[in-house]
Amino acid sequence: MKVMVFVKATKGSEGGEMPNQELITEMMAFNEQLEKAGIMLGGDGLKPSLEGVRVHFSGKNRTVTDGPFAETKELVAGYWLWEVQSMQEAIDWVKRCPNPMNEESDIEIRPVFEPDDFGEAFTPELQEDWKRIQAESEKLATK
């Protein structure tokens, strides 16, 4: 199963506080363990929401709002995409993770939808399109 692992933002990360060399070293070692275990499919840290935008959808209308965004606890400061055998395996890996922030922090784990989750709406034709798009995006990711 694939899971998205979100490193939640903190006041420090939203304020642009960067990790020190020790934390970067610990996180790199953890990422290397994930990679060697064949779990890590991708991941990155994200810049503060000050540098981001939100696009709101209302029918055919789109509204763009510049950051920063108020609710720090609702923001993401980084992510991983993992392939694991179970949610428990993902939890076990997160428990091994160094605290990714210089203060108290949270990491959220969410399962990724699988094709079967969509039922009959995800027709064989749409599944073929999805596979093609996935293959193309994997090619781009390796460039």
C-alpha atoms as a PDB file:
ATOM      1  CA  MET A   1       0.000   0.000   0.000  1.00  0.00           C
ATOM      2  CA  LYS A   2       1.111   3.540  -0.686  1.00  0.00           C
ATOM      3  CA  VAL A   3       0.955   6.155   2.031  1.00  0.00           C
ATOM      4  CA  MET A   4       1.604   9.867   2.015  1.00  0.00           C
ATOM      5  CA  VAL A   5       3.479  10.942   5.126  1.00  0.00           C
ATOM      6  CA  PHE A   6       3.029  14.623   5.965  1.00  0.00           C
ATOM      7  CA  VAL A   7       5.422  16.546   8.172  1.00  0.00           C
ATOM      8  CA  LYS A   8       3.135  19.165   9.650  1.00  0.00           C
ATOM      9  CA  ALA A   9       4.263  22.772   9.747  1.00  0.00           C
ATOM     10  CA  THR A  10       5.185  24.539  12.976  1.00  0.00           C
ATOM     11  CA  LYS A  11       5.587  28.186  13.921  1.00  0.00           C
ATOM     12  CA  GLY A  12       9.307  27.758  13.338  1.00  0.00           C
ATOM     13  CA  SER A  13       8.998  26.188   9.889  1.00  0.00           C
ATOM     14  CA  GLU A  14       6.423  28.799   8.842  1.00  0.00           C
ATOM     15  CA  GLY A  15       8.789  31.476  10.151  1.00  0.00           C
ATOM     16  CA  GLY A  16      11.523  30.203   7.831  1.00  0.00           C
ATOM     17  CA  GLU A  17      13.581  28.522  10.570  1.00  0.00           C
ATOM     18  CA  MET A  18      15.992  26.109   8.926  1.00  0.00           C
ATOM     19  CA  PRO A  19      17.251  22.852  10.478  1.00  0.00           C
ATOM     20  CA  ASN A  20      20.773  22.764  11.820  1.00  0.00           C
ATOM     21  CA  GLN A  21      23.478  20.482  10.422  1.00  0.00           C
ATOM     22  CA  GLU A  22      22.835  17.810  13.066  1.00  0.00           C
ATOM     23  CA  LEU A  23      19.137  17.544  12.167  1.00  0.00           C
ATOM     24  CA  ILE A  24      19.879  17.520   8.430  1.00  0.00           C
ATOM     25  CA  THR A  25      22.387  14.691   9.000  1.00  0.00           C
ATOM     26  CA  GLU A  26      19.860  12.702  11.069  1.00  0.00           C
ATOM     27  CA  MET A  27      17.114  13.167   8.479  1.00  0.00           C
ATOM     28  CA  MET A  28      19.432  12.169   5.636  1.00  0.00           C
ATOM     29  CA  ALA A  29      20.375   8.993   7.527  1.00  0.00           C
ATOM     30  CA  PHE A  30      16.684   8.219   8.089  1.00  0.00           C
ATOM     31  CA  ASN A  31      15.905   8.798   4.404  1.00  0.00           C
ATOM     32  CA  GLU A  32      18.759   6.484   3.482  1.00  0.00           C
ATOM     33  CA  GLN A  33      17.287   3.760   5.724  1.00  0.00           C
ATOM     34  CA  LEU A  34      13.914   4.213   4.005  1.00  0.00           C
ATOM     35  CA  GLU A  35      15.539   4.029   0.587  1.00  0.00           C
ATOM     36  CA  LYS A  36      17.560   0.901   1.439  1.00  0.00           C
ATOM     37  CA  ALA A  37      14.402  -0.766   2.775  1.00  0.00           C
ATOM     38  CA  GLY A  38      12.682  -0.049  -0.554  1.00  0.00           C
ATOM     39  CA  ILE A  39      10.004   2.069   1.105  1.00  0.00           C
ATOM     40  CA  MET A  40      10.718   5.637   0.035  1.00  0.00           C
ATOM     41  CA  LEU A  41       9.266   6.553  -3.347  1.00  0.00           C
ATOM     42  CA  GLY A  42       9.846  10.280  -2.942  1.00  0.00           C
ATOM     43  CA  GLY A  43       9.785  13.193  -0.587  1.00  0.00           C
ATOM     44  CA  ASP A  44      10.867  16.761  -0.010  1.00  0.00           C
ATOM     45  CA  GLY A  45      10.683  19.637   2.403  1.00  0.00           C
ATOM     46  CA  LEU A  46       8.424  22.538   1.505  1.00  0.00           C
ATOM     47  CA  LYS A  47       9.102  26.236   1.816  1.00  0.00           C
ATOM     48  CA  PRO A  48       6.862  28.249   4.177  1.00  0.00           C
ATOM     49  CA  SER A  49       3.338  29.088   3.037  1.00  0.00           C
ATOM     50  CA  LEU A  50       4.484  32.712   2.605  1.00  0.00           C
ATOM     51  CA  GLU A  51       5.903  31.524  -0.712  1.00  0.00           C
ATOM     52  CA  GLY A  52       2.805  29.549  -1.697  1.00  0.00           C
ATOM     53  CA  VAL A  53      -0.642  30.204  -3.093  1.00  0.00           C
ATOM     54  CA  ARG A  54      -4.038  28.543  -2.788  1.00  0.00           C
ATOM     55  CA  VAL A  55      -6.490  28.156  -5.627  1.00  0.00           C
ATOM     56  CA  HIS A  56     -10.134  27.987  -4.492  1.00  0.00           C
ATOM     57  CA  PHE A  57     -12.645  26.225  -6.755  1.00  0.00           C
ATOM     58  CA  SER A  58     -16.287  27.302  -6.824  1.00  0.00           C
ATOM     59  CA  GLY A  59     -18.083  25.876  -9.843  1.00  0.00           C
ATOM     60  CA  LYS A  60     -16.202  27.235 -12.867  1.00  0.00           C
ATOM     61  CA  ASN A  61     -14.644  30.095 -10.861  1.00  0.00           C
ATOM     62  CA  ARG A  62     -11.088  30.017  -9.533  1.00  0.00           C
ATOM     63  CA  THR A  63      -9.762  32.382  -6.883  1.00  0.00           C
ATOM     64  CA  VAL A  64      -6.043  32.610  -6.093  1.00  0.00           C
ATOM     65  CA  THR A  65      -4.968  33.601  -2.574  1.00  0.00           C
ATOM     66  CA  ASP A  66      -1.336  34.361  -1.777  1.00  0.00           C
ATOM     67  CA  GLY A  67       0.254  32.966   1.384  1.00  0.00           C
ATOM     68  CA  PRO A  68       1.024  33.039   4.192  1.00  0.00           C
ATOM     69  CA  PHE A  69      -1.896  31.055   5.547  1.00  0.00           C
ATOM     70  CA  ALA A  70      -3.135  31.477   9.104  1.00  0.00           C
ATOM     71  CA  GLU A  71      -3.679  27.964  10.450  1.00  0.00           C
ATOM     72  CA  THR A  72      -0.133  26.662  10.923  1.00  0.00           C
ATOM     73  CA  LYS A  73      -1.391  23.360  12.357  1.00  0.00           C
ATOM     74  CA  GLU A  74      -3.191  22.686   9.059  1.00  0.00           C
ATOM     75  CA  LEU A  75      -0.135  23.274   6.877  1.00  0.00           C
ATOM     76  CA  VAL A  76       2.452  20.827   5.565  1.00  0.00           C
ATOM     77  CA  ALA A  77       6.193  21.484   5.817  1.00  0.00           C
ATOM     78  CA  GLY A  78       7.330  18.345   4.012  1.00  0.00           C
ATOM     79  CA  TYR A  79       6.245  14.954   2.767  1.00  0.00           C
ATOM     80  CA  TRP A  80       7.259  11.450   1.815  1.00  0.00           C
ATOM     81  CA  LEU A  81       5.537   8.955  -0.442  1.00  0.00           C
ATOM     82  CA  TRP A  82       6.123   5.434   0.854  1.00  0.00           C
ATOM     83  CA  GLU A  83       5.267   1.928  -0.304  1.00  0.00           C
ATOM     84  CA  VAL A  84       4.620  -0.195   2.809  1.00  0.00           C
ATOM     85  CA  GLN A  85       2.918  -3.493   3.620  1.00  0.00           C
ATOM     86  CA  SER A  86       0.518  -1.968   6.144  1.00  0.00           C
ATOM     87  CA  MET A  87      -0.388   1.146   8.085  1.00  0.00           C
ATOM     88  CA  GLN A  88       1.366  -0.388  11.081  1.00  0.00           C
ATOM     89  CA  GLU A  89       4.612  -0.607   9.115  1.00  0.00           C
ATOM     90  CA  ALA A  90       4.283   3.090   8.243  1.00  0.00           C
ATOM     91  CA  ILE A  91       3.644   3.935  11.903  1.00  0.00           C
ATOM     92  CA  ASP A  92       6.684   1.921  12.951  1.00  0.00           C
ATOM     93  CA  TRP A  93       8.873   3.844  10.478  1.00  0.00           C
ATOM     94  CA  VAL A  94       7.531   7.224  11.603  1.00  0.00           C
ATOM     95  CA  LYS A  95       8.286   6.323  15.216  1.00  0.00           C
ATOM     96  CA  ARG A  96      11.936   5.801  14.167  1.00  0.00           C
ATOM     97  CA  CYS A  97      12.085   9.213  12.470  1.00  0.00           C
ATOM     98  CA  PRO A  98      14.077  11.971  14.155  1.00  0.00           C
ATOM     99  CA  ASN A  99      11.876  14.889  15.175  1.00  0.00           C
ATOM    100  CA  PRO A 100      11.921  16.813  11.870  1.00  0.00           C
ATOM    101  CA  MET A 101      11.539  20.176  13.609  1.00  0.00           C
ATOM    102  CA  ASN A 102      13.454  22.151  16.222  1.00  0.00           C
ATOM    103  CA  GLU A 103      10.296  22.116  18.364  1.00  0.00           C
ATOM    104  CA  GLU A 104       7.367  19.786  19.077  1.00  0.00           C
ATOM    105  CA  SER A 105       5.906  18.530  15.822  1.00  0.00           C
ATOM    106  CA  ASP A 106       3.475  16.104  14.239  1.00  0.00           C
ATOM    107  CA  ILE A 107       3.632  13.693  11.325  1.00  0.00           C
ATOM    108  CA  GLU A 108       0.420  12.525   9.644  1.00  0.00           C
ATOM    109  CA  ILE A 109       0.120   9.302   7.626  1.00  0.00           C
ATOM    110  CA  ARG A 110      -2.623   8.918   5.015  1.00  0.00           C
ATOM    111  CA  PRO A 111      -3.287   5.979   2.675  1.00  0.00           C
ATOM    112  CA  VAL A 112      -3.250   6.723  -1.039  1.00  0.00           C
ATOM    113  CA  PHE A 113      -6.285   5.652  -3.045  1.00  0.00           C
ATOM    114  CA  GLU A 114      -5.781   2.471  -5.046  1.00  0.00           C
ATOM    115  CA  PRO A 115      -7.625   1.889  -8.371  1.00  0.00           C
ATOM    116  CA  ASP A 116      -9.990  -0.642  -6.742  1.00  0.00           C
ATOM    117  CA  ASP A 117     -11.160   2.024  -4.275  1.00  0.00           C
ATOM    118  CA  PHE A 118     -13.059   3.794  -7.076  1.00  0.00           C
ATOM    119  CA  GLY A 119     -15.246   0.823  -8.003  1.00  0.00           C
ATOM    120  CA  GLU A 120     -17.057   0.720 -11.348  1.00  0.00           C
ATOM    121  CA  ALA A 121     -16.488   4.452 -11.990  1.00  0.00           C
ATOM    122  CA  PHE A 122     -12.844   3.653 -12.724  1.00  0.00           C
ATOM    123  CA  THR A 123     -13.462   1.794 -15.984  1.00  0.00           C
ATOM    124  CA  PRO A 124     -10.831  -0.399 -17.652  1.00  0.00           C
ATOM    125  CA  GLU A 125     -10.253   2.420 -20.186  1.00  0.00           C
ATOM    126  CA  LEU A 126      -9.662   4.954 -17.411  1.00  0.00           C
ATOM    127  CA  GLN A 127      -7.345   2.475 -15.670  1.00  0.00           C
ATOM    128  CA  GLU A 128      -5.279   2.170 -18.864  1.00  0.00           C
ATOM    129  CA  ASP A 129      -5.095   5.974 -19.115  1.00  0.00           C
ATOM    130  CA  TRP A 130      -4.024   6.131 -15.458  1.00  0.00           C
ATOM    131  CA  LYS A 131      -1.273   3.549 -16.022  1.00  0.00           C
ATOM    132  CA  ARG A 132       0.003   5.495 -19.044  1.00  0.00           C
ATOM    133  CA  ILE A 133       0.038   8.786 -17.114  1.00  0.00           C
ATOM    134  CA  GLN A 134       1.817   7.113 -14.175  1.00  0.00           C
ATOM    135  CA  ALA A 135       4.485   5.654 -16.482  1.00  0.00           C
ATOM    136  CA  GLU A 136       5.078   9.048 -18.106  1.00  0.00           C
ATOM    137  CA  SER A 137       5.329  10.830 -14.749  1.00  0.00           C
ATOM    138  CA  GLU A 138       7.835   8.223 -13.505  1.00  0.00           C
ATOM    139  CA  LYS A 139       9.980   8.917 -16.585  1.00  0.00           C
ATOM    140  CA  LEU A 140       9.896  12.646 -15.828  1.00  0.00           C
ATOM    141  CA  ALA A 141      10.761  12.033 -12.174  1.00  0.00           C
ATOM    142  CA  THR A 142      13.987  10.269 -13.152  1.00  0.00           C
ATOM    143  CA  LYS A 143      15.258  13.169 -15.306  1.00  0.00           C
END
